Amino acid sequence: RQAPGREREFVAAISWTTGNTYYADSVKGRFTISRDNA
């Protein structure tokens, strides 16, 4: 995400190979990343 006047920053990611998910501290517990490969 990129807010006005700020640099783009990481929010969340999900690995295709392991299914592991990663979150920025600022969104942990509030945001959930997921995928539907089909």
PDB file of all heavy atoms in Angstrom:
ATOM      1  N   ARG A   1       0.838  -1.199   0.000  1.00  0.00           N
ATOM      2  CA  ARG A   1       0.000   0.000   0.000  1.00  0.00           C
ATOM      3  C   ARG A   1       0.873   1.250   0.000  1.00  0.00           C
ATOM      4  O   ARG A   1       2.010   1.228   0.465  1.00  0.00           O
ATOM      5  CB  ARG A   1      -0.932   0.007   1.202  1.00  0.00           C
ATOM      6  CG  ARG A   1      -0.248   0.175   2.557  1.00  0.00           C
ATOM      7  CD  ARG A   1      -1.265   0.039   3.681  1.00  0.00           C
ATOM      8  NE  ARG A   1      -0.658   0.230   4.999  1.00  0.00           N
ATOM      9  CZ  ARG A   1      -1.299   0.040   6.148  1.00  0.00           C
ATOM     10  NH1 ARG A   1      -2.578  -0.343   6.150  1.00  0.00           N
ATOM     11  NH2 ARG A   1      -0.676   0.250   7.295  1.00  0.00           N
ATOM     12  N   GLN A   2       0.283   2.311  -0.529  1.00  0.00           N
ATOM     13  CA  GLN A   2       0.985   3.588  -0.563  1.00  0.00           C
ATOM     14  C   GLN A   2       0.025   4.693  -0.176  1.00  0.00           C
ATOM     15  O   GLN A   2      -0.975   4.926  -0.867  1.00  0.00           O
ATOM     16  CB  GLN A   2       1.580   3.858  -1.940  1.00  0.00           C
ATOM     17  CG  GLN A   2       2.452   5.103  -1.981  1.00  0.00           C
ATOM     18  CD  GLN A   2       3.260   5.204  -3.246  1.00  0.00           C
ATOM     19  OE1 GLN A   2       2.943   4.595  -4.265  1.00  0.00           O
ATOM     20  NE2 GLN A   2       4.340   5.971  -3.203  1.00  0.00           N
ATOM     21  N   ALA A   3       0.332   5.349   0.922  1.00  0.00           N
ATOM     22  CA  ALA A   3      -0.462   6.487   1.385  1.00  0.00           C
ATOM     23  C   ALA A   3       0.108   7.764   0.788  1.00  0.00           C
ATOM     24  O   ALA A   3       1.288   7.808   0.403  1.00  0.00           O
ATOM     25  CB  ALA A   3      -0.432   6.552   2.908  1.00  0.00           C
ATOM     26  N   PRO A   4      -0.697   8.819   0.704  1.00  0.00           N
ATOM     27  CA  PRO A   4      -0.210  10.084   0.139  1.00  0.00           C
ATOM     28  C   PRO A   4       1.044  10.573   0.852  1.00  0.00           C
ATOM     29  O   PRO A   4       1.095  10.626   2.075  1.00  0.00           O
ATOM     30  CB  PRO A   4      -1.391  11.029   0.354  1.00  0.00           C
ATOM     31  CG  PRO A   4      -2.582  10.145   0.410  1.00  0.00           C
ATOM     32  CD  PRO A   4      -2.125   8.889   1.081  1.00  0.00           C
ATOM     33  N   GLY A   5       2.077  10.909   0.063  1.00  0.00           N
ATOM     34  CA  GLY A   5       3.301  11.448   0.625  1.00  0.00           C
ATOM     35  C   GLY A   5       4.214  10.430   1.268  1.00  0.00           C
ATOM     36  O   GLY A   5       5.222  10.798   1.870  1.00  0.00           O
ATOM     37  N   ARG A   6       3.856   9.151   1.150  1.00  0.00           N
ATOM     38  CA  ARG A   6       4.669   8.112   1.759  1.00  0.00           C
ATOM     39  C   ARG A   6       5.101   7.090   0.716  1.00  0.00           C
ATOM     40  O   ARG A   6       4.535   6.989  -0.365  1.00  0.00           O
ATOM     41  CB  ARG A   6       3.881   7.421   2.876  1.00  0.00           C
ATOM     42  CG  ARG A   6       3.415   8.373   3.959  1.00  0.00           C
ATOM     43  CD  ARG A   6       2.835   7.627   5.120  1.00  0.00           C
ATOM     44  NE  ARG A   6       3.843   6.815   5.808  1.00  0.00           N
ATOM     45  CZ  ARG A   6       3.620   6.156   6.928  1.00  0.00           C
ATOM     46  NH1 ARG A   6       2.422   6.214   7.496  1.00  0.00           N
ATOM     47  NH2 ARG A   6       4.560   5.440   7.496  1.00  0.00           N
ATOM     48  N   GLU A   7       6.122   6.329   1.064  1.00  0.00           N
ATOM     49  CA  GLU A   7       6.602   5.285   0.167  1.00  0.00           C
ATOM     50  C   GLU A   7       5.679   4.069   0.240  1.00  0.00           C
ATOM     51  O   GLU A   7       4.987   3.850   1.241  1.00  0.00           O
ATOM     52  CB  GLU A   7       8.022   4.873   0.542  1.00  0.00           C
ATOM     53  CG  GLU A   7       9.052   5.973   0.320  1.00  0.00           C
ATOM     54  CD  GLU A   7      10.469   5.492   0.519  1.00  0.00           C
ATOM     55  OE1 GLU A   7      10.642   4.344   0.976  1.00  0.00           O
ATOM     56  OE2 GLU A   7      11.395   6.251   0.225  1.00  0.00           O
ATOM     57  N   ARG A   8       5.692   3.289  -0.821  1.00  0.00           N
ATOM     58  CA  ARG A   8       4.922   2.049  -0.832  1.00  0.00           C
ATOM     59  C   ARG A   8       5.479   1.115   0.235  1.00  0.00           C
ATOM     60  O   ARG A   8       6.698   0.988   0.385  1.00  0.00           O
ATOM     61  CB  ARG A   8       5.013   1.397  -2.203  1.00  0.00           C
ATOM     62  CG  ARG A   8       4.114   0.189  -2.386  1.00  0.00           C
ATOM     63  CD  ARG A   8       4.200  -0.340  -3.806  1.00  0.00           C
ATOM     64  NE  ARG A   8       3.582   0.562  -4.764  1.00  0.00           N
ATOM     65  CZ  ARG A   8       3.455   0.285  -6.058  1.00  0.00           C
ATOM     66  NH1 ARG A   8       3.926  -0.852  -6.534  1.00  0.00           N
ATOM     67  NH2 ARG A   8       2.884   1.141  -6.871  1.00  0.00           N
ATOM     68  N   GLU A   9       4.578   0.454   0.956  1.00  0.00           N
ATOM     69  CA  GLU A   9       5.024  -0.417   2.040  1.00  0.00           C
ATOM     70  C   GLU A   9       4.345  -1.782   1.974  1.00  0.00           C
ATOM     71  O   GLU A   9       3.230  -1.914   1.473  1.00  0.00           O
ATOM     72  CB  GLU A   9       4.727   0.223   3.408  1.00  0.00           C
ATOM     73  CG  GLU A   9       3.260   0.406   3.712  1.00  0.00           C
ATOM     74  CD  GLU A   9       3.025   0.956   5.113  1.00  0.00           C
ATOM     75  OE1 GLU A   9       3.990   1.273   5.832  1.00  0.00           O
ATOM     76  OE2 GLU A   9       1.848   1.067   5.495  1.00  0.00           O
ATOM     77  N   PHE A  10       5.029  -2.752   2.502  1.00  0.00           N
ATOM     78  CA  PHE A  10       4.514  -4.117   2.551  1.00  0.00           C
ATOM     79  C   PHE A  10       3.335  -4.218   3.499  1.00  0.00           C
ATOM     80  O   PHE A  10       3.337  -3.602   4.567  1.00  0.00           O
ATOM     81  CB  PHE A  10       5.624  -5.048   3.016  1.00  0.00           C
ATOM     82  CG  PHE A  10       5.158  -6.433   3.373  1.00  0.00           C
ATOM     83  CD1 PHE A  10       4.821  -7.336   2.381  1.00  0.00           C
ATOM     84  CD2 PHE A  10       5.025  -6.807   4.700  1.00  0.00           C
ATOM     85  CE1 PHE A  10       4.378  -8.606   2.715  1.00  0.00           C
ATOM     86  CE2 PHE A  10       4.583  -8.069   5.043  1.00  0.00           C
ATOM     87  CZ  PHE A  10       4.259  -8.977   4.046  1.00  0.00           C
ATOM     88  N   VAL A  11       2.317  -5.026   3.093  1.00  0.00           N
ATOM     89  CA  VAL A  11       1.154  -5.266   3.934  1.00  0.00           C
ATOM     90  C   VAL A  11       1.047  -6.742   4.310  1.00  0.00           C
ATOM     91  O   VAL A  11       0.992  -7.098   5.474  1.00  0.00           O
ATOM     92  CB  VAL A  11      -0.142  -4.817   3.237  1.00  0.00           C
ATOM     93  CG1 VAL A  11      -1.364  -5.162   4.095  1.00  0.00           C
ATOM     94  CG2 VAL A  11      -0.109  -3.327   2.930  1.00  0.00           C
ATOM     95  N   ALA A  12       1.018  -7.608   3.298  1.00  0.00           N
ATOM     96  CA  ALA A  12       0.841  -9.035   3.552  1.00  0.00           C
ATOM     97  C   ALA A  12       1.310  -9.828   2.341  1.00  0.00           C
ATOM     98  O   ALA A  12       1.354  -9.309   1.224  1.00  0.00           O
ATOM     99  CB  ALA A  12      -0.624  -9.358   3.840  1.00  0.00           C
ATOM    100  N   ALA A  13       1.662 -11.089   2.572  1.00  0.00           N
ATOM    101  CA  ALA A  13       2.077 -11.960   1.485  1.00  0.00           C
ATOM    102  C   ALA A  13       1.730 -13.401   1.821  1.00  0.00           C
ATOM    103  O   ALA A  13       1.621 -13.768   2.992  1.00  0.00           O
ATOM    104  CB  ALA A  13       3.572 -11.834   1.220  1.00  0.00           C
ATOM    105  N   ILE A  14       1.559 -14.197   0.761  1.00  0.00           N
ATOM    106  CA  ILE A  14       1.294 -15.621   0.935  1.00  0.00           C
ATOM    107  C   ILE A  14       2.126 -16.394  -0.070  1.00  0.00           C
ATOM    108  O   ILE A  14       2.184 -16.046  -1.253  1.00  0.00           O
ATOM    109  CB  ILE A  14      -0.216 -15.934   0.784  1.00  0.00           C
ATOM    110  CG1 ILE A  14      -0.490 -17.415   1.054  1.00  0.00           C
ATOM    111  CG2 ILE A  14      -0.761 -15.504  -0.579  1.00  0.00           C
ATOM    112  CD1 ILE A  14      -1.982 -17.724   1.224  1.00  0.00           C
ATOM    113  N   SER A  15       2.778 -17.424   0.420  1.00  0.00           N
ATOM    114  CA  SER A  15       3.643 -18.239  -0.436  1.00  0.00           C
ATOM    115  C   SER A  15       2.814 -19.264  -1.208  1.00  0.00           C
ATOM    116  O   SER A  15       1.947 -19.930  -0.643  1.00  0.00           O
ATOM    117  CB  SER A  15       4.687 -18.950   0.411  1.00  0.00           C
ATOM    118  OG  SER A  15       5.374 -19.925  -0.354  1.00  0.00           O
ATOM    119  N   TRP A  16       3.130 -19.413  -2.486  1.00  0.00           N
ATOM    120  CA  TRP A  16       2.480 -20.436  -3.303  1.00  0.00           C
ATOM    121  C   TRP A  16       2.969 -21.821  -2.922  1.00  0.00           C
ATOM    122  O   TRP A  16       2.209 -22.780  -2.912  1.00  0.00           O
ATOM    123  CB  TRP A  16       2.783 -20.154  -4.774  1.00  0.00           C
ATOM    124  CG  TRP A  16       2.475 -21.296  -5.691  1.00  0.00           C
ATOM    125  CD1 TRP A  16       1.303 -21.984  -5.807  1.00  0.00           C
ATOM    126  CD2 TRP A  16       3.383 -21.896  -6.625  1.00  0.00           C
ATOM    127  NE1 TRP A  16       1.416 -22.962  -6.758  1.00  0.00           N
ATOM    128  CE2 TRP A  16       2.667 -22.936  -7.279  1.00  0.00           C
ATOM    129  CE3 TRP A  16       4.702 -21.649  -6.981  1.00  0.00           C
ATOM    130  CZ2 TRP A  16       3.268 -23.728  -8.258  1.00  0.00           C
ATOM    131  CZ3 TRP A  16       5.276 -22.441  -7.965  1.00  0.00           C
ATOM    132  CH2 TRP A  16       4.566 -23.468  -8.579  1.00  0.00           C
ATOM    133  N   THR A  17       4.248 -21.964  -2.569  1.00  0.00           N
ATOM    134  CA  THR A  17       4.852 -23.273  -2.350  1.00  0.00           C
ATOM    135  C   THR A  17       4.627 -23.811  -0.943  1.00  0.00           C
ATOM    136  O   THR A  17       4.444 -25.012  -0.762  1.00  0.00           O
ATOM    137  CB  THR A  17       6.354 -23.213  -2.631  1.00  0.00           C
ATOM    138  OG1 THR A  17       6.918 -22.104  -1.931  1.00  0.00           O
ATOM    139  CG2 THR A  17       6.607 -23.028  -4.120  1.00  0.00           C
ATOM    140  N   THR A  18       4.626 -22.928   0.069  1.00  0.00           N
ATOM    141  CA  THR A  18       4.507 -23.394   1.454  1.00  0.00           C
ATOM    142  C   THR A  18       3.161 -23.051   2.092  1.00  0.00           C
ATOM    143  O   THR A  18       2.777 -23.657   3.089  1.00  0.00           O
ATOM    144  CB  THR A  18       5.605 -22.785   2.328  1.00  0.00           C
ATOM    145  OG1 THR A  18       5.397 -21.377   2.411  1.00  0.00           O
ATOM    146  CG2 THR A  18       6.988 -23.077   1.757  1.00  0.00           C
ATOM    147  N   GLY A  19       2.472 -22.055   1.527  1.00  0.00           N
ATOM    148  CA  GLY A  19       1.230 -21.582   2.147  1.00  0.00           C
ATOM    149  C   GLY A  19       1.468 -20.654   3.310  1.00  0.00           C
ATOM    150  O   GLY A  19       0.509 -20.157   3.919  1.00  0.00           O
ATOM    151  N   ASN A  20       2.727 -20.384   3.627  1.00  0.00           N
ATOM    152  CA  ASN A  20       3.035 -19.475   4.736  1.00  0.00           C
ATOM    153  C   ASN A  20       2.525 -18.073   4.424  1.00  0.00           C
ATOM    154  O   ASN A  20       2.532 -17.626   3.284  1.00  0.00           O
ATOM    155  CB  ASN A  20       4.533 -19.418   4.985  1.00  0.00           C
ATOM    156  CG  ASN A  20       5.070 -20.696   5.589  1.00  0.00           C
ATOM    157  OD1 ASN A  20       4.312 -21.514   6.087  1.00  0.00           O
ATOM    158  ND2 ASN A  20       6.375 -20.871   5.537  1.00  0.00           N
ATOM    159  N   THR A  21       2.073 -17.403   5.474  1.00  0.00           N
ATOM    160  CA  THR A  21       1.611 -16.021   5.336  1.00  0.00           C
ATOM    161  C   THR A  21       2.467 -15.102   6.197  1.00  0.00           C
ATOM    162  O   THR A  21       2.988 -15.512   7.243  1.00  0.00           O
ATOM    163  CB  THR A  21       0.137 -15.883   5.748  1.00  0.00           C
ATOM    164  OG1 THR A  21      -0.025 -16.351   7.089  1.00  0.00           O
ATOM    165  CG2 THR A  21      -0.763 -16.682   4.820  1.00  0.00           C
ATOM    166  N   TYR A  22       2.581 -13.867   5.743  1.00  0.00           N
ATOM    167  CA  TYR A  22       3.394 -12.873   6.432  1.00  0.00           C
ATOM    168  C   TYR A  22       2.619 -11.557   6.467  1.00  0.00           C
ATOM    169  O   TYR A  22       1.925 -11.223   5.509  1.00  0.00           O
ATOM    170  CB  TYR A  22       4.728 -12.677   5.699  1.00  0.00           C
ATOM    171  CG  TYR A  22       5.475 -13.963   5.467  1.00  0.00           C
ATOM    172  CD1 TYR A  22       5.386 -14.623   4.247  1.00  0.00           C
ATOM    173  CD2 TYR A  22       6.248 -14.529   6.473  1.00  0.00           C
ATOM    174  CE1 TYR A  22       6.058 -15.815   4.031  1.00  0.00           C
ATOM    175  CE2 TYR A  22       6.929 -15.719   6.267  1.00  0.00           C
ATOM    176  CZ  TYR A  22       6.833 -16.357   5.051  1.00  0.00           C
ATOM    177  OH  TYR A  22       7.493 -17.544   4.849  1.00  0.00           O
ATOM    178  N   TYR A  23       2.753 -10.830   7.560  1.00  0.00           N
ATOM    179  CA  TYR A  23       2.027  -9.582   7.728  1.00  0.00           C
ATOM    180  C   TYR A  23       2.926  -8.488   8.294  1.00  0.00           C
ATOM    181  O   TYR A  23       3.833  -8.749   9.087  1.00  0.00           O
ATOM    182  CB  TYR A  23       0.842  -9.774   8.685  1.00  0.00           C
ATOM    183  CG  TYR A  23      -0.198 -10.742   8.188  1.00  0.00           C
ATOM    184  CD1 TYR A  23      -0.159 -12.080   8.534  1.00  0.00           C
ATOM    185  CD2 TYR A  23      -1.215 -10.307   7.347  1.00  0.00           C
ATOM    186  CE1 TYR A  23      -1.101 -12.982   8.074  1.00  0.00           C
ATOM    187  CE2 TYR A  23      -2.169 -11.192   6.879  1.00  0.00           C
ATOM    188  CZ  TYR A  23      -2.103 -12.526   7.241  1.00  0.00           C
ATOM    189  OH  TYR A  23      -3.046 -13.402   6.763  1.00  0.00           O
ATOM    190  N   ALA A  24       2.635  -7.262   7.895  1.00  0.00           N
ATOM    191  CA  ALA A  24       3.246  -6.121   8.558  1.00  0.00           C
ATOM    192  C   ALA A  24       2.689  -6.033   9.977  1.00  0.00           C
ATOM    193  O   ALA A  24       1.526  -6.375  10.220  1.00  0.00           O
ATOM    194  CB  ALA A  24       2.932  -4.847   7.782  1.00  0.00           C
ATOM    195  N   ASP A  25       3.496  -5.577  10.902  1.00  0.00           N
ATOM    196  CA  ASP A  25       3.050  -5.470  12.292  1.00  0.00           C
ATOM    197  C   ASP A  25       1.805  -4.596  12.421  1.00  0.00           C
ATOM    198  O   ASP A  25       0.946  -4.848  13.269  1.00  0.00           O
ATOM    199  CB  ASP A  25       4.178  -4.901  13.156  1.00  0.00           C
ATOM    200  CG  ASP A  25       5.307  -5.891  13.356  1.00  0.00           C
ATOM    201  OD1 ASP A  25       5.095  -7.107  13.128  1.00  0.00           O
ATOM    202  OD2 ASP A  25       6.405  -5.452  13.738  1.00  0.00           O
ATOM    203  N   SER A  26       1.701  -3.596  11.569  1.00  0.00           N
ATOM    204  CA  SER A  26       0.598  -2.643  11.668  1.00  0.00           C
ATOM    205  C   SER A  26      -0.758  -3.251  11.312  1.00  0.00           C
ATOM    206  O   SER A  26      -1.796  -2.673  11.656  1.00  0.00           O
ATOM    207  CB  SER A  26       0.866  -1.431  10.770  1.00  0.00           C
ATOM    208  OG  SER A  26       1.020  -1.842   9.428  1.00  0.00           O
ATOM    209  N   VAL A  27      -0.763  -4.396  10.628  1.00  0.00           N
ATOM    210  CA  VAL A  27      -2.042  -4.996  10.217  1.00  0.00           C
ATOM    211  C   VAL A  27      -2.256  -6.372  10.821  1.00  0.00           C
ATOM    212  O   VAL A  27      -3.326  -6.964  10.659  1.00  0.00           O
ATOM    213  CB  VAL A  27      -2.142  -5.093   8.679  1.00  0.00           C
ATOM    214  CG1 VAL A  27      -1.882  -3.737   8.035  1.00  0.00           C
ATOM    215  CG2 VAL A  27      -1.193  -6.149   8.119  1.00  0.00           C
ATOM    216  N   LYS A  28      -1.273  -6.883  11.527  1.00  0.00           N
ATOM    217  CA  LYS A  28      -1.370  -8.230  12.093  1.00  0.00           C
ATOM    218  C   LYS A  28      -2.564  -8.321  13.034  1.00  0.00           C
ATOM    219  O   LYS A  28      -2.783  -7.437  13.869  1.00  0.00           O
ATOM    220  CB  LYS A  28      -0.070  -8.562  12.824  1.00  0.00           C
ATOM    221  CG  LYS A  28       0.200 -10.029  13.009  1.00  0.00           C
ATOM    222  CD  LYS A  28       1.607 -10.261  13.542  1.00  0.00           C
ATOM    223  CE  LYS A  28       2.660  -9.816  12.559  1.00  0.00           C
ATOM    224  NZ  LYS A  28       4.041 -10.106  13.040  1.00  0.00           N
ATOM    225  N   GLY A  29      -3.346  -9.376  12.864  1.00  0.00           N
ATOM    226  CA  GLY A  29      -4.531  -9.559  13.689  1.00  0.00           C
ATOM    227  C   GLY A  29      -5.771  -8.892  13.136  1.00  0.00           C
ATOM    228  O   GLY A  29      -6.883  -9.157  13.603  1.00  0.00           O
ATOM    229  N   ARG A  30      -5.615  -8.024  12.144  1.00  0.00           N
ATOM    230  CA  ARG A  30      -6.759  -7.329  11.537  1.00  0.00           C
ATOM    231  C   ARG A  30      -6.960  -7.726  10.081  1.00  0.00           C
ATOM    232  O   ARG A  30      -8.087  -7.792   9.601  1.00  0.00           O
ATOM    233  CB  ARG A  30      -6.560  -5.817  11.618  1.00  0.00           C
ATOM    234  CG  ARG A  30      -6.421  -5.285  13.022  1.00  0.00           C
ATOM    235  CD  ARG A  30      -6.418  -3.755  13.045  1.00  0.00           C
ATOM    236  NE  ARG A  30      -5.286  -3.184  12.314  1.00  0.00           N
ATOM    237  CZ  ARG A  30      -5.402  -2.348  11.278  1.00  0.00           C
ATOM    238  NH1 ARG A  30      -6.601  -1.984  10.850  1.00  0.00           N
ATOM    239  NH2 ARG A  30      -4.320  -1.863  10.693  1.00  0.00           N
ATOM    240  N   PHE A  31      -5.878  -7.987   9.367  1.00  0.00           N
ATOM    241  CA  PHE A  31      -5.927  -8.334   7.950  1.00  0.00           C
ATOM    242  C   PHE A  31      -5.615  -9.818   7.773  1.00  0.00           C
ATOM    243  O   PHE A  31      -4.811 -10.383   8.518  1.00  0.00           O
ATOM    244  CB  PHE A  31      -4.911  -7.526   7.144  1.00  0.00           C
ATOM    245  CG  PHE A  31      -5.212  -6.053   7.010  1.00  0.00           C
ATOM    246  CD1 PHE A  31      -6.186  -5.429   7.775  1.00  0.00           C
ATOM    247  CD2 PHE A  31      -4.500  -5.285   6.112  1.00  0.00           C
ATOM    248  CE1 PHE A  31      -6.450  -4.080   7.654  1.00  0.00           C
ATOM    249  CE2 PHE A  31      -4.744  -3.927   5.965  1.00  0.00           C
ATOM    250  CZ  PHE A  31      -5.715  -3.332   6.742  1.00  0.00           C
ATOM    251  N   THR A  32      -6.236 -10.415   6.751  1.00  0.00           N
ATOM    252  CA  THR A  32      -5.968 -11.810   6.422  1.00  0.00           C
ATOM    253  C   THR A  32      -5.777 -11.946   4.919  1.00  0.00           C
ATOM    254  O   THR A  32      -6.652 -11.543   4.140  1.00  0.00           O
ATOM    255  CB  THR A  32      -7.120 -12.720   6.857  1.00  0.00           C
ATOM    256  OG1 THR A  32      -7.333 -12.574   8.278  1.00  0.00           O
ATOM    257  CG2 THR A  32      -6.791 -14.183   6.560  1.00  0.00           C
ATOM    258  N   ILE A  33      -4.653 -12.522   4.523  1.00  0.00           N
ATOM    259  CA  ILE A  33      -4.397 -12.780   3.111  1.00  0.00           C
ATOM    260  C   ILE A  33      -4.758 -14.229   2.805  1.00  0.00           C
ATOM    261  O   ILE A  33      -4.533 -15.125   3.628  1.00  0.00           O
ATOM    262  CB  ILE A  33      -2.930 -12.474   2.737  1.00  0.00           C
ATOM    263  CG1 ILE A  33      -2.741 -12.550   1.228  1.00  0.00           C
ATOM    264  CG2 ILE A  33      -1.965 -13.396   3.474  1.00  0.00           C
ATOM    265  CD1 ILE A  33      -1.384 -12.043   0.744  1.00  0.00           C
ATOM    266  N   SER A  34      -5.321 -14.445   1.639  1.00  0.00           N
ATOM    267  CA  SER A  34      -5.674 -15.807   1.236  1.00  0.00           C
ATOM    268  C   SER A  34      -5.632 -15.902  -0.282  1.00  0.00           C
ATOM    269  O   SER A  34      -5.422 -14.905  -0.970  1.00  0.00           O
ATOM    270  CB  SER A  34      -7.063 -16.196   1.763  1.00  0.00           C
ATOM    271  OG  SER A  34      -8.055 -15.352   1.222  1.00  0.00           O
ATOM    272  N   ARG A  35      -5.843 -17.107  -0.786  1.00  0.00           N
ATOM    273  CA  ARG A  35      -5.817 -17.315  -2.226  1.00  0.00           C
ATOM    274  C   ARG A  35      -6.762 -18.441  -2.590  1.00  0.00           C
ATOM    275  O   ARG A  35      -7.019 -19.333  -1.782  1.00  0.00           O
ATOM    276  CB  ARG A  35      -4.397 -17.629  -2.701  1.00  0.00           C
ATOM    277  CG  ARG A  35      -3.835 -18.927  -2.117  1.00  0.00           C
ATOM    278  CD  ARG A  35      -2.353 -19.049  -2.393  1.00  0.00           C
ATOM    279  NE  ARG A  35      -2.096 -18.988  -3.810  1.00  0.00           N
ATOM    280  CZ  ARG A  35      -0.969 -18.504  -4.344  1.00  0.00           C
ATOM    281  NH1 ARG A  35      -0.019 -18.050  -3.556  1.00  0.00           N
ATOM    282  NH2 ARG A  35      -0.812 -18.490  -5.638  1.00  0.00           N
ATOM    283  N   ASP A  36      -7.270 -18.377  -3.797  1.00  0.00           N
ATOM    284  CA  ASP A  36      -8.082 -19.454  -4.357  1.00  0.00           C
ATOM    285  C   ASP A  36      -7.467 -19.787  -5.706  1.00  0.00           C
ATOM    286  O   ASP A  36      -7.736 -19.109  -6.699  1.00  0.00           O
ATOM    287  CB  ASP A  36      -9.541 -19.016  -4.486  1.00  0.00           C
ATOM    288  CG  ASP A  36     -10.443 -20.147  -4.937  1.00  0.00           C
ATOM    289  OD1 ASP A  36      -9.963 -21.080  -5.602  1.00  0.00           O
ATOM    290  OD2 ASP A  36     -11.648 -20.079  -4.645  1.00  0.00           O
ATOM    291  N   ASN A  37      -6.659 -20.830  -5.736  1.00  0.00           N
ATOM    292  CA  ASN A  37      -5.951 -21.153  -6.969  1.00  0.00           C
ATOM    293  C   ASN A  37      -6.909 -21.560  -8.089  1.00  0.00           C
ATOM    294  O   ASN A  37      -6.639 -21.304  -9.265  1.00  0.00           O
ATOM    295  CB  ASN A  37      -4.932 -22.259  -6.716  1.00  0.00           C
ATOM    296  CG  ASN A  37      -3.761 -21.766  -5.884  1.00  0.00           C
ATOM    297  OD1 ASN A  37      -3.496 -20.554  -5.820  1.00  0.00           O
ATOM    298  ND2 ASN A  37      -3.076 -22.680  -5.231  1.00  0.00           N
ATOM    299  N   ALA A  38      -7.997 -22.181  -7.746  1.00  0.00           N
ATOM    300  CA  ALA A  38      -8.964 -22.599  -8.768  1.00  0.00           C
ATOM    301  C   ALA A  38      -9.573 -21.393  -9.478  1.00  0.00           C
ATOM    302  O   ALA A  38      -9.931 -21.472 -10.653  1.00  0.00           O
ATOM    303  CB  ALA A  38     -10.056 -23.450  -8.137  1.00  0.00           C
TER     304      ALA A  38
END
